[in-house]
C-alpha atoms as a PDB file:
ATOM      1  CA  UNK A   1      62.957  68.248 -21.448  1.00  0.00           C
ATOM      2  CA  UNK A   2      63.012  72.004 -21.333  1.00  0.00           C
ATOM      3  CA  UNK A   3      64.972  73.564 -24.160  1.00  0.00           C
ATOM      4  CA  UNK A   4      68.577  74.315 -23.287  1.00  0.00           C
ATOM      5  CA  UNK A   5      68.797  71.684 -20.513  1.00  0.00           C
ATOM      6  CA  UNK A   6      71.526  69.112 -20.570  1.00  0.00           C
ATOM      7  CA  UNK A   7      71.022  65.473 -19.688  1.00  0.00           C
ATOM      8  CA  UNK A   8      72.904  66.008 -16.398  1.00  0.00           C
ATOM      9  CA  UNK A   9      70.540  68.776 -15.280  1.00  0.00           C
ATOM     10  CA  UNK A  10      67.547  66.581 -16.071  1.00  0.00           C
ATOM     11  CA  UNK A  11      69.020  63.705 -14.022  1.00  0.00           C
ATOM     12  CA  UNK A  12      69.711  66.050 -11.104  1.00  0.00           C
ATOM     13  CA  UNK A  13      66.176  67.409 -11.215  1.00  0.00           C
ATOM     14  CA  UNK A  14      64.717  63.877 -11.312  1.00  0.00           C
ATOM     15  CA  UNK A  15      66.836  62.881  -8.318  1.00  0.00           C
ATOM     16  CA  UNK A  16      65.620  65.950  -6.388  1.00  0.00           C
ATOM     17  CA  UNK A  17      61.998  65.111  -7.175  1.00  0.00           C
ATOM     18  CA  UNK A  18      62.549  61.517  -6.113  1.00  0.00           C
ATOM     19  CA  UNK A  19      64.052  62.532  -2.759  1.00  0.00           C
ATOM     20  CA  UNK A  20      61.220  65.023  -2.175  1.00  0.00           C
ATOM     21  CA  UNK A  21      58.692  62.261  -2.881  1.00  0.00           C
ATOM     22  CA  UNK A  22      60.434  59.898  -0.440  1.00  0.00           C
ATOM     23  CA  UNK A  23      60.542  62.573   2.262  1.00  0.00           C
ATOM     24  CA  UNK A  24      56.853  63.217   1.720  1.00  0.00           C
ATOM     25  CA  UNK A  25      56.088  59.498   2.142  1.00  0.00           C
ATOM     26  CA  UNK A  26      58.024  59.461   5.426  1.00  0.00           C
ATOM     27  CA  UNK A  27      56.204  62.568   6.705  1.00  0.00           C
ATOM     28  CA  UNK A  28      59.417  64.567   6.854  1.00  0.00           C
ATOM     29  CA  UNK A  29      58.916  68.316   6.754  1.00  0.00           C
ATOM     30  CA  UNK A  30      60.256  70.145   3.705  1.00  0.00           C
ATOM     31  CA  UNK A  31      62.131  72.527   5.982  1.00  0.00           C
ATOM     32  CA  UNK A  32      64.155  69.701   7.550  1.00  0.00           C
ATOM     33  CA  UNK A  33      67.491  69.064   5.906  1.00  0.00           C
ATOM     34  CA  UNK A  34      67.733  65.279   5.861  1.00  0.00           C
ATOM     35  CA  UNK A  35      70.186  63.239   3.830  1.00  0.00           C
ATOM     36  CA  UNK A  36      68.376  60.476   2.048  1.00  0.00           C
ATOM     37  CA  UNK A  37      70.259  57.196   1.997  1.00  0.00           C
ATOM     38  CA  UNK A  38      68.485  54.834  -0.344  1.00  0.00           C
ATOM     39  CA  UNK A  39      68.871  51.068  -0.305  1.00  0.00           C
ATOM     40  CA  UNK A  40      68.544  48.708  -3.271  1.00  0.00           C
ATOM     41  CA  UNK A  41      64.750  48.650  -3.179  1.00  0.00           C
ATOM     42  CA  UNK A  42      64.588  52.420  -3.502  1.00  0.00           C
ATOM     43  CA  UNK A  43      63.311  52.755   0.050  1.00  0.00           C
ATOM     44  CA  UNK A  44      65.082  55.075   2.481  1.00  0.00           C
ATOM     45  CA  UNK A  45      67.559  53.102   4.556  1.00  0.00           C
ATOM     46  CA  UNK A  46      67.273  53.613   8.287  1.00  0.00           C
ATOM     47  CA  UNK A  47      70.016  52.645  10.659  1.00  0.00           C
ATOM     48  CA  UNK A  48      69.421  52.346  14.347  1.00  0.00           C
ATOM     49  CA  UNK A  49      71.407  54.324  16.873  1.00  0.00           C
ATOM     50  CA  UNK A  50      73.035  51.102  18.052  1.00  0.00           C
ATOM     51  CA  UNK A  51      74.309  50.395  14.534  1.00  0.00           C
ATOM     52  CA  UNK A  52      75.769  53.881  14.324  1.00  0.00           C
ATOM     53  CA  UNK A  53      77.444  53.535  17.725  1.00  0.00           C
ATOM     54  CA  UNK A  54      78.889  50.194  16.604  1.00  0.00           C
ATOM     55  CA  UNK A  55      80.197  51.823  13.442  1.00  0.00           C
ATOM     56  CA  UNK A  56      81.908  54.560  15.456  1.00  0.00           C
ATOM     57  CA  UNK A  57      83.364  51.976  17.830  1.00  0.00           C
ATOM     58  CA  UNK A  58      84.753  49.918  14.921  1.00  0.00           C
ATOM     59  CA  UNK A  59      86.144  53.055  13.303  1.00  0.00           C
ATOM     60  CA  UNK A  60      88.102  53.773  16.491  1.00  0.00           C
ATOM     61  CA  UNK A  61      89.233  50.126  16.717  1.00  0.00           C
ATOM     62  CA  UNK A  62      90.675  50.324  13.188  1.00  0.00           C
ATOM     63  CA  UNK A  63      92.420  53.565  14.083  1.00  0.00           C
ATOM     64  CA  UNK A  64      94.002  51.994  17.164  1.00  0.00           C
ATOM     65  CA  UNK A  65      95.049  48.851  15.279  1.00  0.00           C
ATOM     66  CA  UNK A  66      96.880  50.965  12.682  1.00  0.00           C
ATOM     67  CA  UNK A  67      98.909  52.688  15.423  1.00  0.00           C
ATOM     68  CA  UNK A  68     102.524  51.846  16.155  1.00  0.00           C
ATOM     69  CA  UNK A  69     102.904  48.952  18.625  1.00  0.00           C
ATOM     70  CA  UNK A  70     104.618  51.186  21.210  1.00  0.00           C
ATOM     71  CA  UNK A  71     101.740  53.662  21.540  1.00  0.00           C
ATOM     72  CA  UNK A  72     100.045  53.702  24.933  1.00  0.00           C
ATOM     73  CA  UNK A  73      96.545  53.355  23.485  1.00  0.00           C
ATOM     74  CA  UNK A  74      97.440  50.185  21.598  1.00  0.00           C
ATOM     75  CA  UNK A  75      99.263  48.751  24.616  1.00  0.00           C
ATOM     76  CA  UNK A  76      96.208  49.402  26.805  1.00  0.00           C
ATOM     77  CA  UNK A  77      93.989  47.609  24.295  1.00  0.00           C
ATOM     78  CA  UNK A  78      95.911  44.350  24.789  1.00  0.00           C
ATOM     79  CA  UNK A  79      96.595  44.766  28.510  1.00  0.00           C
ATOM     80  CA  UNK A  80      95.080  42.314  30.988  1.00  0.00           C
ATOM     81  CA  UNK A  81      94.277  43.473  34.509  1.00  0.00           C
ATOM     82  CA  UNK A  82      95.644  41.331  37.332  1.00  0.00           C
ATOM     83  CA  UNK A  83      93.781  40.759  40.565  1.00  0.00           C
ATOM     84  CA  UNK A  84      90.422  39.605  41.730  1.00  0.00           C
ATOM     85  CA  UNK A  85      87.264  40.943  40.130  1.00  0.00           C
ATOM     86  CA  UNK A  86      84.354  42.092  42.300  1.00  0.00           C
ATOM     87  CA  UNK A  87      81.484  39.779  43.095  1.00  0.00           C
ATOM     88  CA  UNK A  88      78.502  39.742  40.754  1.00  0.00           C
ATOM     89  CA  UNK A  89      78.092  40.115  37.053  1.00  0.00           C
ATOM     90  CA  UNK A  90      81.327  41.086  35.274  1.00  0.00           C
ATOM     91  CA  UNK A  91      81.552  44.523  33.723  1.00  0.00           C
ATOM     92  CA  UNK A  92      81.235  44.646  29.941  1.00  0.00           C
ATOM     93  CA  UNK A  93      84.594  45.136  28.310  1.00  0.00           C
ATOM     94  CA  UNK A  94      85.286  47.202  25.237  1.00  0.00           C
ATOM     95  CA  UNK A  95      86.678  44.246  23.254  1.00  0.00           C
ATOM     96  CA  UNK A  96      83.492  42.265  23.939  1.00  0.00           C
ATOM     97  CA  UNK A  97      81.511  45.065  22.301  1.00  0.00           C
ATOM     98  CA  UNK A  98      83.936  45.096  19.344  1.00  0.00           C
ATOM     99  CA  UNK A  99      83.492  41.338  18.926  1.00  0.00           C
ATOM    100  CA  UNK A 100      79.705  41.722  18.977  1.00  0.00           C
ATOM    101  CA  UNK A 101      79.849  44.559  16.417  1.00  0.00           C
ATOM    102  CA  UNK A 102      82.012  42.447  14.115  1.00  0.00           C
ATOM    103  CA  UNK A 103      79.679  39.449  14.456  1.00  0.00           C
ATOM    104  CA  UNK A 104      76.723  41.593  13.329  1.00  0.00           C
ATOM    105  CA  UNK A 105      78.739  42.323  10.194  1.00  0.00           C
ATOM    106  CA  UNK A 106      79.658  38.665   9.616  1.00  0.00           C
ATOM    107  CA  UNK A 107      83.263  38.791  10.837  1.00  0.00           C
ATOM    108  CA  UNK A 108      85.242  37.688  13.878  1.00  0.00           C
ATOM    109  CA  UNK A 109      88.220  39.357  15.524  1.00  0.00           C
ATOM    110  CA  UNK A 110      90.405  36.463  14.373  1.00  0.00           C
ATOM    111  CA  UNK A 111      89.347  37.021  10.730  1.00  0.00           C
ATOM    112  CA  UNK A 112      90.133  40.718  10.991  1.00  0.00           C
ATOM    113  CA  UNK A 113      93.519  40.099  12.606  1.00  0.00           C
ATOM    114  CA  UNK A 114      94.515  37.346  10.135  1.00  0.00           C
ATOM    115  CA  UNK A 115      93.546  39.302   7.034  1.00  0.00           C
ATOM    116  CA  UNK A 116      94.647  42.638   8.545  1.00  0.00           C
ATOM    117  CA  UNK A 117      91.677  44.375   6.938  1.00  0.00           C
ATOM    118  CA  UNK A 118      92.156  47.390   9.215  1.00  0.00           C
ATOM    119  CA  UNK A 119      95.382  48.287   7.349  1.00  0.00           C
ATOM    120  CA  UNK A 120      93.427  48.949   4.142  1.00  0.00           C
ATOM    121  CA  UNK A 121      91.277  51.967   4.929  1.00  0.00           C
ATOM    122  CA  UNK A 122      88.737  51.549   2.117  1.00  0.00           C
ATOM    123  CA  UNK A 123      88.186  47.864   2.901  1.00  0.00           C
ATOM    124  CA  UNK A 124      87.867  48.701   6.590  1.00  0.00           C
ATOM    125  CA  UNK A 125      85.358  51.452   5.864  1.00  0.00           C
ATOM    126  CA  UNK A 126      83.276  49.039   3.771  1.00  0.00           C
ATOM    127  CA  UNK A 127      83.397  46.471   6.575  1.00  0.00           C
ATOM    128  CA  UNK A 128      82.293  48.826   9.328  1.00  0.00           C
ATOM    129  CA  UNK A 129      79.452  50.291   7.283  1.00  0.00           C
ATOM    130  CA  UNK A 130      78.194  46.914   6.047  1.00  0.00           C
ATOM    131  CA  UNK A 131      75.440  44.880   7.664  1.00  0.00           C
ATOM    132  CA  UNK A 132      74.250  41.348   7.095  1.00  0.00           C
ATOM    133  CA  UNK A 133      70.967  42.583   5.615  1.00  0.00           C
ATOM    134  CA  UNK A 134      72.674  44.403   2.725  1.00  0.00           C
ATOM    135  CA  UNK A 135      74.561  41.301   1.600  1.00  0.00           C
ATOM    136  CA  UNK A 136      77.953  43.014   1.692  1.00  0.00           C
ATOM    137  CA  UNK A 137      79.301  40.725   4.391  1.00  0.00           C
ATOM    138  CA  UNK A 138      82.676  39.072   3.723  1.00  0.00           C
ATOM    139  CA  UNK A 139      82.772  40.339   0.144  1.00  0.00           C
ATOM    140  CA  UNK A 140      85.596  42.781   0.669  1.00  0.00           C
END
């Protein structure tokens, strides 16, 4: 320790050195401003673009589910289209993507609707940012 430094300053400096070391190991330029998310093993956590898109989609789903039942957006979410669909493979629907995103996080739409997790913002945020690899599934 350098004289006159507090314990907090030392911890901050050690954290900065650690992040610089991790960036160096990943061949990230020092001029790039990159936030370092670190997982339990101390290795930088990398999320794929698909995971991030799923997180954004689930964030919007929670927002819509917290809306009043008379809002047009919420009504359109539950609306079924009448008529005959075109021949060939069916188009992917938004709710199918939501179901798939929830399954990757260890939940189903029925679980979410029964427990009404979307009403509690912090629990919902933990759910949409969790993955099965981190072990935070269903531990809300």
